[in-house]
Protein backbone atom coordinates (compact mmCIF):
# COMPACT_ATOMS: atom_id res chain seq x y z
CA MET A 1 0.00 0.00 0.00
CA ALA A 2 2.58 2.60 1.01
CA THR A 3 5.41 3.10 -1.47
CA GLU A 4 7.34 6.07 -0.12
CA THR A 5 10.04 5.42 2.48
CA ASP A 6 11.78 8.79 2.92
CA ILE A 7 9.59 10.71 5.33
CA ASP A 8 10.42 13.83 7.34
CA THR A 9 8.22 13.99 10.41
CA GLU A 10 9.99 16.80 12.21
CA GLY A 11 12.22 14.76 14.49
CA ALA A 12 10.39 11.43 14.54
CA ILE A 13 12.67 8.38 14.27
CA SER A 14 11.84 6.42 11.15
CA SER A 15 11.74 2.63 11.16
CA ASP A 16 14.44 2.26 8.54
CA GLU A 17 16.74 4.53 10.57
CA GLU A 18 16.25 2.27 13.57
CA HIS A 19 17.15 -0.86 11.60
CA ALA A 20 20.01 0.71 9.65
CA HIS A 21 22.24 0.51 12.72
CA SER A 22 21.65 -3.23 13.12
CA HIS A 23 22.45 -3.79 9.41
CA GLU A 24 25.38 -1.41 9.01
CA ASN A 25 28.02 -4.15 9.21
CA MET A 26 26.28 -6.42 6.68
CA SER A 27 27.41 -6.84 3.10
CA PRO A 28 24.72 -6.33 0.43
CA GLU A 29 24.47 -10.11 0.06
CA GLU A 30 24.07 -10.59 3.82
CA GLU A 31 21.49 -7.83 4.01
CA HIS A 32 19.46 -9.39 1.18
CA ALA A 33 19.61 -12.81 2.85
CA HIS A 34 18.50 -11.23 6.13
CA MET A 35 15.57 -9.58 4.35
CA ILE A 36 14.50 -12.89 2.78
CA ASP A 37 14.70 -14.58 6.18
CA ASN A 38 12.43 -11.86 7.58
CA PHE A 39 9.90 -12.41 4.80
CA LYS A 40 9.99 -16.17 5.41
CA LYS A 41 9.47 -15.75 9.15
CA ALA A 42 6.65 -13.26 8.65
CA GLY A 43 4.96 -15.48 6.07
CA LYS A 44 5.09 -18.66 8.13
CA LEU A 45 3.80 -17.05 11.32
CA THR A 46 1.10 -15.09 9.50
CA ALA A 47 -0.12 -18.30 7.86
CA LYS A 48 -0.58 -19.88 11.28
CA VAL A 49 -2.52 -16.82 12.48
CA ARG A 50 -4.69 -17.05 9.34
CA GLU A 51 -5.60 -20.64 10.17
CA ASP A 52 -6.33 -19.75 13.80
CA GLY A 53 -8.37 -16.76 12.67
CA LYS A 54 -10.49 -18.83 10.29
CA ARG A 55 -11.84 -20.77 13.25
CA LEU A 56 -13.27 -17.55 14.69
CA ILE A 57 -15.40 -16.90 11.60
CA VAL A 58 -18.74 -18.30 12.76
CA PRO A 59 -22.30 -16.92 12.78
CA GLY A 60 -22.97 -14.65 15.73
CA GLU A 61 -19.34 -13.67 16.27
CA SER A 62 -18.53 -9.96 16.51
CA LEU A 63 -16.39 -8.53 13.71
CA PHE A 64 -14.66 -6.34 16.27
CA ASP A 65 -13.81 -9.34 18.45
CA VAL A 66 -12.53 -11.32 15.46
CA ALA A 67 -10.23 -8.47 14.39
CA GLU A 68 -8.93 -7.87 17.90
CA SER A 69 -8.37 -11.61 18.43
CA VAL A 70 -6.49 -12.05 15.15
CA GLU A 71 -4.27 -9.09 15.99
CA LYS A 72 -3.68 -10.54 19.46
CA PHE A 73 -2.72 -13.88 17.88
CA MET A 74 -0.13 -12.05 15.80
CA ALA A 75 1.39 -10.44 18.88
CA GLU A 76 1.44 -13.80 20.65
CA ALA A 77 3.28 -15.26 17.64
CA GLY A 78 5.99 -12.68 18.23
CA ILE A 79 5.49 -10.43 15.21
CA ARG A 80 3.74 -7.14 14.53
CA MET A 81 0.79 -6.44 12.28
CA GLY A 82 1.78 -5.33 8.79
CA PHE A 83 -1.70 -3.86 8.31
CA PRO A 84 -5.03 -4.06 10.16
CA ALA A 85 -7.01 -7.29 9.97
CA ASN A 86 -9.39 -6.94 7.01
CA ILE A 87 -12.73 -8.72 7.47
CA SER A 88 -14.75 -7.87 4.37
CA LEU A 89 -18.27 -9.24 3.93
CA ASN A 90 -20.22 -10.19 0.81
CA ASN A 91 -19.88 -7.42 -1.83
CA ALA A 92 -17.08 -5.72 0.15
CA ALA A 93 -13.86 -6.89 -1.48
CA ALA A 94 -11.22 -5.27 0.72
CA HIS A 95 -10.21 -2.65 3.30
CA PHE A 96 -12.93 -3.23 5.88
CA THR A 97 -11.69 -3.31 9.44
CA PRO A 98 -14.09 -2.66 12.32
CA GLU A 99 -14.13 0.66 14.11
CA ILE A 100 -14.19 1.08 17.89
CA GLY A 101 -17.71 0.22 19.03
CA CYS A 102 -18.57 -1.81 15.92
CA GLU A 103 -21.50 -4.06 16.82
CA THR A 104 -21.80 -5.96 13.53
CA LEU A 105 -22.17 -9.71 13.98
CA LEU A 106 -21.40 -12.36 11.40
CA GLY A 107 -24.55 -13.78 9.83
CA GLU A 108 -25.39 -17.23 8.53
CA LYS A 109 -25.43 -15.98 4.91
CA ASP A 110 -22.20 -13.99 5.01
CA VAL A 111 -19.24 -14.64 2.73
CA VAL A 112 -16.19 -13.46 4.65
CA LYS A 113 -12.77 -12.45 3.32
CA LEU A 114 -10.10 -12.59 6.04
CA ASP A 115 -7.02 -10.72 4.79
CA ILE A 116 -4.11 -10.33 7.23
CA GLY A 117 -0.43 -9.50 7.28
CA GLY A 118 2.32 -9.83 9.86
CA GLN A 119 5.66 -8.08 9.55
CA VAL A 120 9.25 -8.56 10.67
CA GLU A 121 11.35 -5.40 10.22
CA GLY A 122 8.81 -4.19 7.68
CA CYS A 123 8.81 -7.44 5.68
CA VAL A 124 5.14 -8.39 5.39
CA GLY A 125 3.58 -11.79 4.87
CA ASP A 126 0.25 -10.96 3.17
CA THR A 127 -2.38 -13.69 2.96
CA ALA A 128 -6.14 -14.06 2.63
CA CYS A 129 -8.87 -16.68 2.53
CA THR A 130 -12.64 -16.80 2.05
CA ILE A 131 -15.01 -18.42 4.53
CA ASP A 132 -18.50 -19.07 3.14
CA LEU A 133 -20.91 -19.21 6.06
CA SER A 134 -23.86 -19.63 3.68
CA ASP A 135 -22.56 -22.83 2.04
CA GLU A 136 -23.79 -21.32 -1.25
CA TRP A 137 -20.61 -19.83 -2.71
CA GLY A 138 -18.05 -22.57 -2.25
CA LYS A 139 -17.50 -22.81 -6.02
CA MET A 140 -16.55 -19.13 -6.15
CA ALA A 141 -14.10 -19.44 -3.27
CA GLU A 142 -12.61 -22.59 -4.79
CA CYS A 143 -12.04 -20.92 -8.16
CA THR A 144 -9.95 -18.19 -6.50
CA GLN A 145 -7.87 -20.92 -4.85
CA ALA A 146 -7.41 -22.66 -8.20
CA ALA A 147 -6.57 -19.37 -9.94
CA LEU A 148 -3.95 -18.64 -7.30
CA ALA A 149 -2.45 -22.12 -7.71
CA ASP A 150 -2.30 -21.63 -11.49
CA ALA A 151 -0.51 -18.30 -11.12
CA ILE A 152 1.98 -19.66 -8.60
CA ALA A 153 2.76 -22.62 -10.86
CA LEU A 154 3.67 -20.19 -13.66
CA ALA A 155 5.69 -17.78 -11.53
CA LYS A 156 9.44 -17.93 -12.11
CA PRO A 157 12.18 -15.65 -13.45
CA GLY A 158 11.52 -14.49 -17.01
CA VAL A 159 7.72 -14.78 -16.81
CA ALA A 160 5.74 -11.57 -17.33
CA THR A 161 3.17 -10.63 -14.72
CA SER A 162 0.65 -10.34 -17.57
CA GLU A 163 0.90 -14.12 -18.05
CA LEU A 164 -0.18 -14.64 -14.45
CA GLY A 165 -3.12 -12.30 -14.96
CA THR A 166 -4.21 -14.24 -18.04
CA ALA A 167 -4.13 -17.53 -16.11
CA ILE A 168 -6.14 -16.03 -13.25
CA GLU A 169 -8.78 -14.59 -15.57
CA GLU A 170 -9.17 -17.83 -17.53
CA ARG A 171 -9.63 -19.95 -14.39
CA ILE A 172 -12.19 -17.62 -12.82
CA LYS A 173 -14.21 -17.18 -16.02
CA ALA A 174 -14.18 -20.94 -16.61
CA ALA A 175 -15.94 -21.32 -13.26
CA GLY A 176 -18.67 -18.91 -14.36
CA PHE A 177 -17.56 -15.81 -12.46
CA LYS A 178 -15.79 -12.53 -13.20
CA PRO A 179 -12.33 -11.55 -11.99
CA ILE A 180 -12.19 -8.11 -10.40
CA GLU A 181 -10.20 -6.20 -12.98
CA ASN A 182 -9.24 -3.19 -10.88
CA LEU A 183 -7.80 -5.16 -7.95
CA CYS A 184 -4.31 -6.60 -8.27
CA GLY A 185 -1.59 -8.50 -6.51
CA HIS A 186 1.51 -6.49 -5.74
CA LYS A 187 5.24 -6.51 -5.22
CA ILE A 188 6.29 -6.19 -1.57
CA GLU A 189 9.45 -4.60 -0.24
CA PRO A 190 10.40 -3.73 3.36
CA TYR A 191 7.94 -1.11 4.63
CA ALA A 192 6.35 -0.92 1.17
CA LEU A 193 3.34 -3.22 1.07
CA HIS A 194 2.52 -2.13 -2.47
CA ALA A 195 5.93 -1.51 -4.06
CA GLY A 196 4.80 -0.17 -7.42
CA ILE A 197 4.49 -3.34 -9.53
CA ASP A 198 1.16 -5.14 -9.86
CA ILE A 199 0.08 -8.66 -10.70
CA PRO A 200 -3.21 -8.24 -12.57
CA ASN A 201 -6.22 -10.49 -12.21
CA VAL A 202 -7.05 -10.17 -15.91
CA ARG A 203 -5.30 -10.33 -19.27
CA THR A 204 -3.14 -7.21 -19.83
CA PRO A 205 -0.42 -6.16 -22.28
CA PRO A 206 3.06 -7.60 -21.55
CA SER A 207 4.55 -5.86 -18.54
CA TYR A 208 7.03 -6.48 -15.73
CA VAL A 209 9.11 -9.66 -15.98
CA LEU A 210 9.62 -11.56 -12.73
CA GLN A 211 13.15 -11.70 -11.35
CA GLU A 212 14.81 -14.04 -8.89
CA GLY A 213 14.50 -12.62 -5.38
CA ASP A 214 11.24 -10.74 -6.01
CA ILE A 215 8.56 -10.92 -3.33
CA PHE A 216 4.95 -10.71 -4.56
CA ALA A 217 1.48 -11.12 -3.11
CA ILE A 218 -0.88 -12.76 -5.60
CA GLU A 219 -4.57 -12.33 -4.79
CA PRO A 220 -7.27 -13.42 -7.24
CA PHE A 221 -10.73 -11.94 -6.61
CA ALA A 222 -13.86 -13.48 -8.15
CA THR A 223 -17.37 -12.02 -8.17
CA ASN A 224 -20.86 -12.46 -9.57
CA GLY A 225 -21.15 -8.67 -9.71
CA SER A 226 -19.72 -6.10 -12.11
CA GLY A 227 -16.10 -7.18 -11.94
CA ARG A 228 -15.02 -3.73 -10.76
CA VAL A 229 -14.89 -2.20 -7.29
CA HIS A 230 -15.56 1.37 -6.22
CA ASP A 231 -14.78 3.32 -3.07
CA GLY A 232 -17.30 3.09 -0.27
CA THR A 233 -17.83 5.84 2.28
CA GLN A 234 -16.32 4.05 5.29
CA VAL A 235 -12.61 4.60 5.98
CA GLU A 236 -10.86 3.04 8.98
CA ILE A 237 -7.41 2.32 7.48
CA PHE A 238 -4.70 4.88 6.72
CA SER A 239 -0.99 5.02 5.94
CA LEU A 240 1.70 7.68 6.22
CA VAL A 241 2.89 9.03 2.87
CA SER A 242 4.70 12.26 3.75
CA GLY A 243 5.61 14.65 6.50
CA ALA A 244 3.55 17.79 7.00
CA ARG A 245 3.58 21.02 8.96
CA VAL A 246 0.32 21.08 10.87
CA ARG A 247 -1.19 23.59 13.27
CA MET A 248 -2.64 21.44 16.05
CA ARG A 249 -0.34 20.08 18.74
CA GLN A 250 -2.36 16.84 18.74
CA SER A 251 -1.75 16.49 15.00
CA ARG A 252 2.01 16.80 15.50
CA GLN A 253 1.88 14.23 18.29
CA LEU A 254 -0.18 11.88 16.13
CA LEU A 255 2.19 12.26 13.18
CA SER A 256 5.17 11.40 15.38
CA HIS A 257 3.32 8.42 16.88
CA ILE A 258 2.39 7.04 13.46
CA ALA A 259 5.93 7.47 12.13
CA THR A 260 7.55 5.68 15.04
CA GLN A 261 4.96 2.91 15.44
CA TYR A 262 3.89 2.09 11.88
CA PHE A 263 6.17 4.10 9.55
CA THR A 264 4.70 3.67 6.03
CA LEU A 265 2.66 0.54 6.77
CA PRO A 266 -1.14 0.81 7.06
CA PHE A 267 -2.79 1.22 10.46
CA ALA A 268 -6.34 1.39 11.85
CA GLU A 269 -7.87 4.35 13.63
CA ARG A 270 -8.86 2.02 16.49
CA TRP A 271 -5.15 1.27 17.07
CA LEU A 272 -4.64 4.93 17.98
CA VAL A 273 -7.42 5.22 20.56
CA PRO A 274 -5.46 3.82 23.58
CA ASN A 275 -2.77 6.49 23.10
CA PHE A 276 -5.10 9.49 22.80
CA LYS A 277 -7.51 10.28 25.62
CA SER A 278 -9.97 12.29 23.54
CA ARG A 279 -11.69 10.62 20.58
CA LEU A 280 -12.76 14.07 19.39
CA LEU A 281 -9.18 15.40 19.35
CA LEU A 282 -7.97 12.21 17.66
CA SER A 283 -10.60 12.60 14.95
CA SER A 284 -9.65 16.24 14.45
CA ALA A 285 -5.94 15.38 14.24
CA LEU A 286 -6.59 12.64 11.68
CA LYS A 287 -8.66 15.05 9.61
CA GLU A 288 -5.92 17.69 9.68
CA LEU A 289 -3.26 15.15 8.63
CA LEU A 290 -5.49 13.93 5.79
CA ASN A 291 -6.14 17.48 4.60
CA ALA A 292 -2.39 18.21 4.75
CA GLY A 293 -1.65 15.20 2.53
CA ALA A 294 0.34 13.37 5.21
CA LEU A 295 -1.97 10.34 5.25
CA ARG A 296 -3.52 8.18 2.59
CA PRO A 297 -7.01 6.82 3.33
CA TYR A 298 -8.12 3.34 2.26
CA PRO A 299 -11.90 3.32 1.75
CA VAL A 300 -13.75 0.02 1.83
CA LEU A 301 -13.82 -1.34 -1.75
CA LEU A 302 -17.24 -2.51 -2.94
CA ASP A 303 -18.69 -4.33 -5.92
CA THR A 304 -22.37 -3.81 -6.77
CA PRO A 305 -24.93 -4.11 -3.95
CA GLY A 306 -26.16 -7.66 -3.51
CA SER A 307 -23.15 -9.23 -5.21
CA ILE A 308 -20.64 -11.61 -3.64
CA VAL A 309 -16.83 -11.41 -3.78
CA ALA A 310 -14.35 -14.18 -2.93
CA GLN A 311 -10.57 -13.88 -2.52
CA THR A 312 -7.52 -16.05 -1.89
CA GLU A 313 -3.99 -14.72 -1.41
CA HIS A 314 -0.43 -15.90 -0.80
CA THR A 315 2.92 -14.16 -0.63
CA ILE A 316 5.59 -15.80 -2.78
CA LEU A 317 9.35 -15.58 -3.30
CA ILE A 318 10.62 -15.94 -6.86
CA GLU A 319 13.44 -18.49 -6.75
CA HIS A 320 15.81 -19.76 -9.46
CA ASP A 321 13.22 -21.68 -11.47
CA SER A 322 9.98 -21.57 -9.47
CA ALA A 323 8.08 -19.73 -6.75
CA LEU A 324 8.18 -20.53 -3.04
CA VAL A 325 4.94 -19.91 -1.13
CA LEU A 326 5.86 -18.07 2.06
CA THR A 327 2.41 -17.87 3.67
CA GLN A 328 1.83 -21.50 4.50
CA PRO A 329 2.23 -22.97 8.01
């Protein structure tokens, strides 16, 4: 999601400054190997949390409690959240995380996308699954799993990302559904969840060619709706994209807190509440930072009302002649 990593926050210590000291005696080869080890650790532990989290997705369970529990599982596993737990229902494809006080309960007809990421020194393992509480949309969920498997089987050095998109589209359409054309997988780099290169879910012109050592999240989305998502009105997830000179003292405090705690990785507004006594002042500070261009908002992404969206996602490492799935237990 965040792609910028050089941020001036008026004295705040950035995450890459903190880690630079621990890496300063490493050769480039050692530093790269250390980064890959971090991605592997993050992926393996996040996969375990995903499996534990799936068991919480049952009718009557609170979305707020599920999100808080998943994030607690991540802490208990010994790693930090790379972004807030996304629990998107039915026609919501992505970016829903519950707000403080959310009273929504899972229903017997809900189709739930659980999308989570844990990070080690900014290296994020990004993974998602679909849980169909209705028992009516299993075929849709299964076709995203198959599309993901097809793409992973193709992924190796020299293969264009457009080839993966073609395979994903063909598998989803063969099952009778539409891929979501304006949602993509993405390259991941330390502290850059979306590092500027996409893996499409549809056929596209030839584009980026995979290279050994690349880290990518591949995430097919299938729907019976329009095949395109649009921004909803609810926004609970943000990320830091630049420094800013702001008027309110609370805004300066919030900017420093975000920079030191999350750097450029996405965070939820509810994560900030324990550190700020006044919800009103927190809301005002967030608004000022948004207006100043310091934060990027992530609205909930929706297909057409009444439609259903399914998703499956893994993070992979491009090796010498194949791809290694990092987000499996």
